[in-house]
Amino acid sequence: MKSMTRLPGCSRNRVVLATLLAAGLPLLALAADRKVEFKPAADSASCYDFLEWTVSVPEPVISNPFTEAVLEGRFTLEGEAGIKVDGFCDSEDGKLFRIRFMPARAGHYTCTLTY
């Protein structure tokens, strides 16, 4: 864990993302009749550590994944408004995307990813 000044309530608390990670397995989604795999790197993180998902698109149908594809996430702490996060393409062929979220407060978050 990186050394940093911690805010009250974040010292050893963990952030748990419930919706996408409940089964601990990759989530398969059907997007335009194509399988898209959303895979979390971890199921929890400390405050100010980031959580990352890789999104695999086996057969992209776009010519420029950097401008034509959109990966969005919404992370919601119970009882609060959600936080919108944009993902990014991490390969020239458009088969790999990533999205990262850094929670500032401890608690249970729900997560929705859209490709």
N, C-alpha and C. Protein backbone atom coordinates (compact mmCIF):
# COMPACT_ATOMS: atom_id res chain seq x y z
N MET A 1 0.84 -1.17 0.00
CA MET A 1 0.00 0.00 0.00
C MET A 1 0.89 1.24 0.00
N LYS A 2 0.54 2.21 -0.79
CA LYS A 2 1.32 3.44 -0.89
C LYS A 2 1.18 4.26 0.39
N SER A 3 2.24 4.96 0.76
CA SER A 3 2.13 5.83 1.93
C SER A 3 1.50 7.14 1.50
N MET A 4 0.56 7.61 2.30
CA MET A 4 -0.13 8.87 2.01
C MET A 4 -0.87 9.31 3.25
N THR A 5 -1.25 10.55 3.27
CA THR A 5 -2.08 11.04 4.35
C THR A 5 -3.49 10.50 4.14
N ARG A 6 -4.04 9.94 5.16
CA ARG A 6 -5.37 9.34 5.04
C ARG A 6 -6.42 10.25 5.67
N LEU A 7 -7.57 10.23 5.08
CA LEU A 7 -8.69 10.99 5.62
C LEU A 7 -9.41 10.15 6.67
N PRO A 8 -10.10 10.80 7.61
CA PRO A 8 -10.87 10.04 8.60
C PRO A 8 -11.84 9.10 7.90
N GLY A 9 -11.94 7.90 8.44
CA GLY A 9 -12.86 6.92 7.87
C GLY A 9 -12.25 6.08 6.76
N CYS A 10 -11.01 6.35 6.38
CA CYS A 10 -10.41 5.60 5.27
C CYS A 10 -9.20 4.79 5.71
N SER A 11 -8.77 4.87 6.95
CA SER A 11 -7.49 4.29 7.33
C SER A 11 -7.35 2.82 6.98
N ARG A 12 -8.25 1.98 7.42
CA ARG A 12 -8.15 0.56 7.08
C ARG A 12 -9.44 0.03 6.49
N ASN A 13 -10.33 0.93 6.19
CA ASN A 13 -11.59 0.49 5.60
C ASN A 13 -11.37 0.07 4.16
N ARG A 14 -12.19 -0.83 3.71
CA ARG A 14 -12.11 -1.31 2.34
C ARG A 14 -13.35 -0.85 1.58
N VAL A 15 -13.18 -0.71 0.32
CA VAL A 15 -14.29 -0.39 -0.56
C VAL A 15 -14.67 -1.68 -1.27
N VAL A 16 -15.92 -2.01 -1.25
CA VAL A 16 -16.37 -3.24 -1.89
C VAL A 16 -17.38 -2.87 -2.97
N LEU A 17 -17.17 -3.36 -4.16
CA LEU A 17 -18.10 -3.13 -5.26
C LEU A 17 -18.98 -4.35 -5.39
N ALA A 18 -20.27 -4.17 -5.14
CA ALA A 18 -21.16 -5.31 -5.00
C ALA A 18 -21.77 -5.80 -6.31
N THR A 19 -22.27 -4.95 -7.12
CA THR A 19 -23.09 -5.39 -8.25
C THR A 19 -22.31 -6.24 -9.24
N LEU A 20 -21.22 -5.75 -9.76
CA LEU A 20 -20.49 -6.45 -10.81
C LEU A 20 -19.67 -7.60 -10.26
N LEU A 21 -19.30 -7.54 -8.99
CA LEU A 21 -18.34 -8.47 -8.46
C LEU A 21 -18.93 -9.54 -7.56
N ALA A 22 -20.24 -9.58 -7.43
CA ALA A 22 -20.86 -10.48 -6.47
C ALA A 22 -20.44 -11.93 -6.68
N ALA A 23 -20.37 -12.38 -7.90
CA ALA A 23 -20.03 -13.78 -8.16
C ALA A 23 -18.53 -14.02 -8.21
N GLY A 24 -17.75 -12.95 -8.32
CA GLY A 24 -16.31 -13.12 -8.42
C GLY A 24 -15.87 -13.68 -9.76
N LEU A 25 -16.76 -13.68 -10.74
CA LEU A 25 -16.47 -14.23 -12.06
C LEU A 25 -16.59 -13.13 -13.10
N PRO A 26 -15.94 -13.29 -14.24
CA PRO A 26 -16.12 -12.31 -15.32
C PRO A 26 -17.59 -12.25 -15.73
N LEU A 27 -18.03 -11.08 -16.06
CA LEU A 27 -19.40 -10.87 -16.50
C LEU A 27 -19.42 -10.84 -18.01
N LEU A 28 -20.26 -11.64 -18.60
CA LEU A 28 -20.40 -11.63 -20.05
C LEU A 28 -21.64 -10.83 -20.41
N ALA A 29 -21.48 -9.91 -21.33
CA ALA A 29 -22.59 -9.10 -21.78
C ALA A 29 -22.74 -9.27 -23.28
N LEU A 30 -23.94 -9.08 -23.76
CA LEU A 30 -24.18 -9.18 -25.19
C LEU A 30 -24.34 -7.77 -25.72
N ALA A 31 -23.43 -7.32 -26.58
CA ALA A 31 -23.49 -5.99 -27.15
C ALA A 31 -23.53 -6.14 -28.66
N ALA A 32 -24.63 -5.75 -29.27
CA ALA A 32 -24.81 -5.86 -30.72
C ALA A 32 -24.51 -7.29 -31.20
N ASP A 33 -25.07 -8.28 -30.49
CA ASP A 33 -24.88 -9.69 -30.82
C ASP A 33 -23.43 -10.14 -30.72
N ARG A 34 -22.63 -9.47 -29.95
CA ARG A 34 -21.23 -9.84 -29.75
C ARG A 34 -20.98 -9.95 -28.25
N LYS A 35 -20.16 -10.92 -27.86
CA LYS A 35 -19.84 -11.07 -26.45
C LYS A 35 -18.78 -10.06 -26.05
N VAL A 36 -19.04 -9.40 -24.95
CA VAL A 36 -18.10 -8.45 -24.37
C VAL A 36 -17.86 -8.93 -22.95
N GLU A 37 -16.61 -9.10 -22.56
CA GLU A 37 -16.29 -9.62 -21.23
C GLU A 37 -15.76 -8.49 -20.35
N PHE A 38 -16.39 -8.32 -19.19
CA PHE A 38 -15.97 -7.35 -18.19
C PHE A 38 -15.30 -8.13 -17.07
N LYS A 39 -14.04 -7.83 -16.79
CA LYS A 39 -13.31 -8.60 -15.78
C LYS A 39 -12.62 -7.66 -14.79
N PRO A 40 -12.98 -7.75 -13.50
CA PRO A 40 -12.33 -6.91 -12.48
C PRO A 40 -10.96 -7.46 -12.11
N ALA A 41 -10.04 -6.56 -11.80
CA ALA A 41 -8.71 -6.98 -11.34
C ALA A 41 -8.77 -7.41 -9.87
N ALA A 42 -9.68 -6.83 -9.10
CA ALA A 42 -9.84 -7.15 -7.68
C ALA A 42 -11.28 -6.87 -7.29
N ASP A 43 -11.70 -7.40 -6.13
CA ASP A 43 -13.07 -7.15 -5.70
C ASP A 43 -13.17 -6.08 -4.62
N SER A 44 -12.04 -5.56 -4.17
CA SER A 44 -12.07 -4.48 -3.19
C SER A 44 -10.76 -3.70 -3.24
N ALA A 45 -10.79 -2.51 -2.64
CA ALA A 45 -9.59 -1.67 -2.59
C ALA A 45 -9.72 -0.73 -1.41
N SER A 46 -8.61 -0.21 -0.96
CA SER A 46 -8.61 0.80 0.09
C SER A 46 -8.95 2.15 -0.52
N CYS A 47 -9.35 3.10 0.32
CA CYS A 47 -9.57 4.45 -0.16
C CYS A 47 -8.31 4.94 -0.86
N TYR A 48 -8.51 5.63 -1.96
CA TYR A 48 -7.45 6.23 -2.77
C TYR A 48 -6.57 5.22 -3.49
N ASP A 49 -6.93 3.95 -3.48
CA ASP A 49 -6.33 2.97 -4.38
C ASP A 49 -7.33 2.79 -5.51
N PHE A 50 -6.86 2.50 -6.71
CA PHE A 50 -7.83 2.37 -7.79
C PHE A 50 -8.21 0.92 -8.05
N LEU A 51 -9.43 0.78 -8.51
CA LEU A 51 -9.94 -0.50 -8.98
C LEU A 51 -9.98 -0.43 -10.50
N GLU A 52 -9.60 -1.50 -11.16
CA GLU A 52 -9.55 -1.50 -12.62
C GLU A 52 -10.30 -2.70 -13.18
N TRP A 53 -11.01 -2.48 -14.27
CA TRP A 53 -11.65 -3.55 -15.03
C TRP A 53 -11.04 -3.56 -16.42
N THR A 54 -10.86 -4.75 -16.94
CA THR A 54 -10.51 -4.89 -18.35
C THR A 54 -11.78 -5.34 -19.07
N VAL A 55 -11.97 -4.78 -20.22
CA VAL A 55 -13.14 -5.11 -21.03
C VAL A 55 -12.61 -5.66 -22.35
N SER A 56 -12.92 -6.92 -22.61
CA SER A 56 -12.46 -7.59 -23.83
C SER A 56 -13.59 -7.61 -24.86
N VAL A 57 -13.26 -7.17 -26.06
CA VAL A 57 -14.20 -7.16 -27.17
C VAL A 57 -13.58 -8.05 -28.25
N PRO A 58 -13.95 -9.34 -28.30
CA PRO A 58 -13.29 -10.27 -29.22
C PRO A 58 -13.40 -9.90 -30.69
N GLU A 59 -14.53 -9.34 -31.09
CA GLU A 59 -14.75 -9.01 -32.50
C GLU A 59 -15.29 -7.59 -32.63
N PRO A 60 -14.42 -6.58 -32.49
CA PRO A 60 -14.91 -5.20 -32.61
C PRO A 60 -15.43 -4.92 -34.02
N VAL A 61 -16.48 -4.13 -34.11
CA VAL A 61 -17.10 -3.83 -35.40
C VAL A 61 -16.93 -2.35 -35.78
N ILE A 62 -15.97 -1.71 -35.18
CA ILE A 62 -15.73 -0.29 -35.44
C ILE A 62 -14.37 -0.12 -36.10
N SER A 63 -14.20 0.97 -36.84
CA SER A 63 -12.92 1.17 -37.52
C SER A 63 -11.91 1.93 -36.65
N ASN A 64 -12.38 2.81 -35.77
CA ASN A 64 -11.47 3.56 -34.89
C ASN A 64 -11.96 3.45 -33.45
N PRO A 65 -11.38 2.54 -32.66
CA PRO A 65 -11.86 2.32 -31.29
C PRO A 65 -11.60 3.50 -30.35
N PHE A 66 -10.71 4.40 -30.75
CA PHE A 66 -10.39 5.53 -29.88
C PHE A 66 -11.43 6.64 -29.97
N THR A 67 -12.19 6.68 -31.07
CA THR A 67 -13.19 7.73 -31.22
C THR A 67 -14.61 7.19 -31.38
N GLU A 68 -14.77 5.93 -31.78
CA GLU A 68 -16.10 5.41 -32.08
C GLU A 68 -16.69 4.54 -30.96
N ALA A 69 -15.89 4.06 -30.06
CA ALA A 69 -16.38 3.20 -28.97
C ALA A 69 -16.45 4.00 -27.68
N VAL A 70 -17.42 3.65 -26.84
CA VAL A 70 -17.59 4.33 -25.56
C VAL A 70 -17.70 3.28 -24.46
N LEU A 71 -16.88 3.44 -23.44
CA LEU A 71 -16.98 2.62 -22.23
C LEU A 71 -17.23 3.57 -21.07
N GLU A 72 -18.36 3.38 -20.38
CA GLU A 72 -18.71 4.24 -19.26
C GLU A 72 -19.00 3.40 -18.03
N GLY A 73 -18.69 3.96 -16.89
CA GLY A 73 -19.01 3.32 -15.62
C GLY A 73 -19.74 4.29 -14.71
N ARG A 74 -20.59 3.76 -13.86
CA ARG A 74 -21.25 4.56 -12.83
C ARG A 74 -21.05 3.82 -11.52
N PHE A 75 -20.43 4.51 -10.56
CA PHE A 75 -20.11 3.94 -9.26
C PHE A 75 -20.91 4.71 -8.23
N THR A 76 -21.69 3.98 -7.44
CA THR A 76 -22.60 4.63 -6.51
C THR A 76 -22.40 4.10 -5.10
N LEU A 77 -22.06 5.00 -4.19
CA LEU A 77 -21.97 4.68 -2.77
C LEU A 77 -23.39 4.73 -2.23
N GLU A 78 -23.75 3.76 -1.43
CA GLU A 78 -25.11 3.67 -0.91
C GLU A 78 -25.58 5.00 -0.33
N GLY A 79 -26.73 5.47 -0.81
CA GLY A 79 -27.32 6.70 -0.30
C GLY A 79 -26.78 7.97 -0.93
N GLU A 80 -25.93 7.85 -1.95
CA GLU A 80 -25.34 9.04 -2.57
C GLU A 80 -25.54 9.01 -4.08
N ALA A 81 -25.28 10.13 -4.72
CA ALA A 81 -25.36 10.20 -6.18
C ALA A 81 -24.20 9.42 -6.78
N GLY A 82 -24.41 8.86 -7.94
CA GLY A 82 -23.37 8.08 -8.60
C GLY A 82 -22.29 8.96 -9.20
N ILE A 83 -21.14 8.36 -9.42
CA ILE A 83 -20.01 9.04 -10.05
C ILE A 83 -19.79 8.41 -11.42
N LYS A 84 -19.81 9.23 -12.47
CA LYS A 84 -19.61 8.73 -13.83
C LYS A 84 -18.11 8.72 -14.14
N VAL A 85 -17.65 7.62 -14.71
CA VAL A 85 -16.24 7.46 -15.06
C VAL A 85 -16.16 6.98 -16.51
N ASP A 86 -15.30 7.61 -17.30
CA ASP A 86 -15.09 7.18 -18.68
C ASP A 86 -13.95 6.18 -18.75
N GLY A 87 -14.12 5.16 -19.57
CA GLY A 87 -13.07 4.19 -19.82
C GLY A 87 -12.28 4.61 -21.05
N PHE A 88 -11.31 3.77 -21.43
CA PHE A 88 -10.47 4.11 -22.58
C PHE A 88 -10.05 2.84 -23.31
N CYS A 89 -9.78 3.00 -24.60
CA CYS A 89 -9.28 1.91 -25.41
C CYS A 89 -7.80 1.75 -25.11
N ASP A 90 -7.35 0.51 -24.91
CA ASP A 90 -5.95 0.25 -24.57
C ASP A 90 -5.28 -0.68 -25.58
N SER A 91 -5.81 -0.69 -26.81
CA SER A 91 -5.19 -1.48 -27.87
C SER A 91 -5.56 -0.88 -29.23
N GLU A 92 -4.65 -0.97 -30.16
CA GLU A 92 -4.90 -0.40 -31.49
C GLU A 92 -6.00 -1.12 -32.25
N ASP A 93 -6.20 -2.40 -31.97
CA ASP A 93 -7.22 -3.16 -32.70
C ASP A 93 -8.61 -3.06 -32.08
N GLY A 94 -8.75 -2.36 -30.95
CA GLY A 94 -10.06 -2.16 -30.34
C GLY A 94 -10.59 -3.35 -29.56
N LYS A 95 -9.71 -4.29 -29.23
CA LYS A 95 -10.16 -5.48 -28.50
C LYS A 95 -10.01 -5.36 -26.99
N LEU A 96 -9.32 -4.34 -26.51
CA LEU A 96 -9.08 -4.20 -25.08
C LEU A 96 -9.37 -2.77 -24.62
N PHE A 97 -10.22 -2.66 -23.61
CA PHE A 97 -10.54 -1.38 -22.99
C PHE A 97 -10.30 -1.52 -21.49
N ARG A 98 -10.13 -0.39 -20.84
CA ARG A 98 -9.96 -0.38 -19.38
C ARG A 98 -10.78 0.77 -18.80
N ILE A 99 -11.18 0.55 -17.56
CA ILE A 99 -11.84 1.62 -16.80
C ILE A 99 -11.32 1.52 -15.38
N ARG A 100 -11.06 2.68 -14.78
CA ARG A 100 -10.50 2.73 -13.42
C ARG A 100 -11.33 3.66 -12.55
N PHE A 101 -11.45 3.25 -11.29
CA PHE A 101 -12.19 4.05 -10.31
C PHE A 101 -11.39 4.11 -9.03
N MET A 102 -11.27 5.32 -8.47
CA MET A 102 -10.56 5.52 -7.21
C MET A 102 -11.54 6.05 -6.17
N PRO A 103 -11.97 5.21 -5.24
CA PRO A 103 -12.94 5.66 -4.23
C PRO A 103 -12.29 6.58 -3.20
N ALA A 104 -12.98 7.65 -2.88
CA ALA A 104 -12.50 8.60 -1.88
C ALA A 104 -13.09 8.32 -0.50
N ARG A 105 -14.14 7.49 -0.46
CA ARG A 105 -14.78 7.15 0.81
C ARG A 105 -15.00 5.66 0.88
N ALA A 106 -14.89 5.13 2.06
CA ALA A 106 -15.10 3.69 2.27
C ALA A 106 -16.59 3.39 2.25
N GLY A 107 -16.93 2.18 1.87
CA GLY A 107 -18.32 1.74 1.87
C GLY A 107 -18.58 0.77 0.74
N HIS A 108 -19.84 0.35 0.64
CA HIS A 108 -20.26 -0.57 -0.43
C HIS A 108 -20.73 0.25 -1.62
N TYR A 109 -20.10 0.04 -2.76
CA TYR A 109 -20.46 0.71 -3.99
C TYR A 109 -21.15 -0.29 -4.92
N THR A 110 -22.09 0.20 -5.70
CA THR A 110 -22.60 -0.59 -6.80
C THR A 110 -21.97 -0.03 -8.07
N CYS A 111 -21.83 -0.88 -9.04
CA CYS A 111 -21.11 -0.52 -10.25
C CYS A 111 -21.90 -0.97 -11.46
N THR A 112 -22.01 -0.09 -12.44
CA THR A 112 -22.62 -0.43 -13.71
C THR A 112 -21.65 -0.02 -14.80
N LEU A 113 -21.28 -0.97 -15.66
CA LEU A 113 -20.40 -0.67 -16.78
C LEU A 113 -21.18 -0.85 -18.07
N THR A 114 -20.99 0.08 -19.00
CA THR A 114 -21.68 0.05 -20.28
C THR A 114 -20.68 0.21 -21.40
N TYR A 115 -20.72 -0.70 -22.35
CA TYR A 115 -19.87 -0.59 -23.54
C TYR A 115 -20.77 -0.41 -24.74
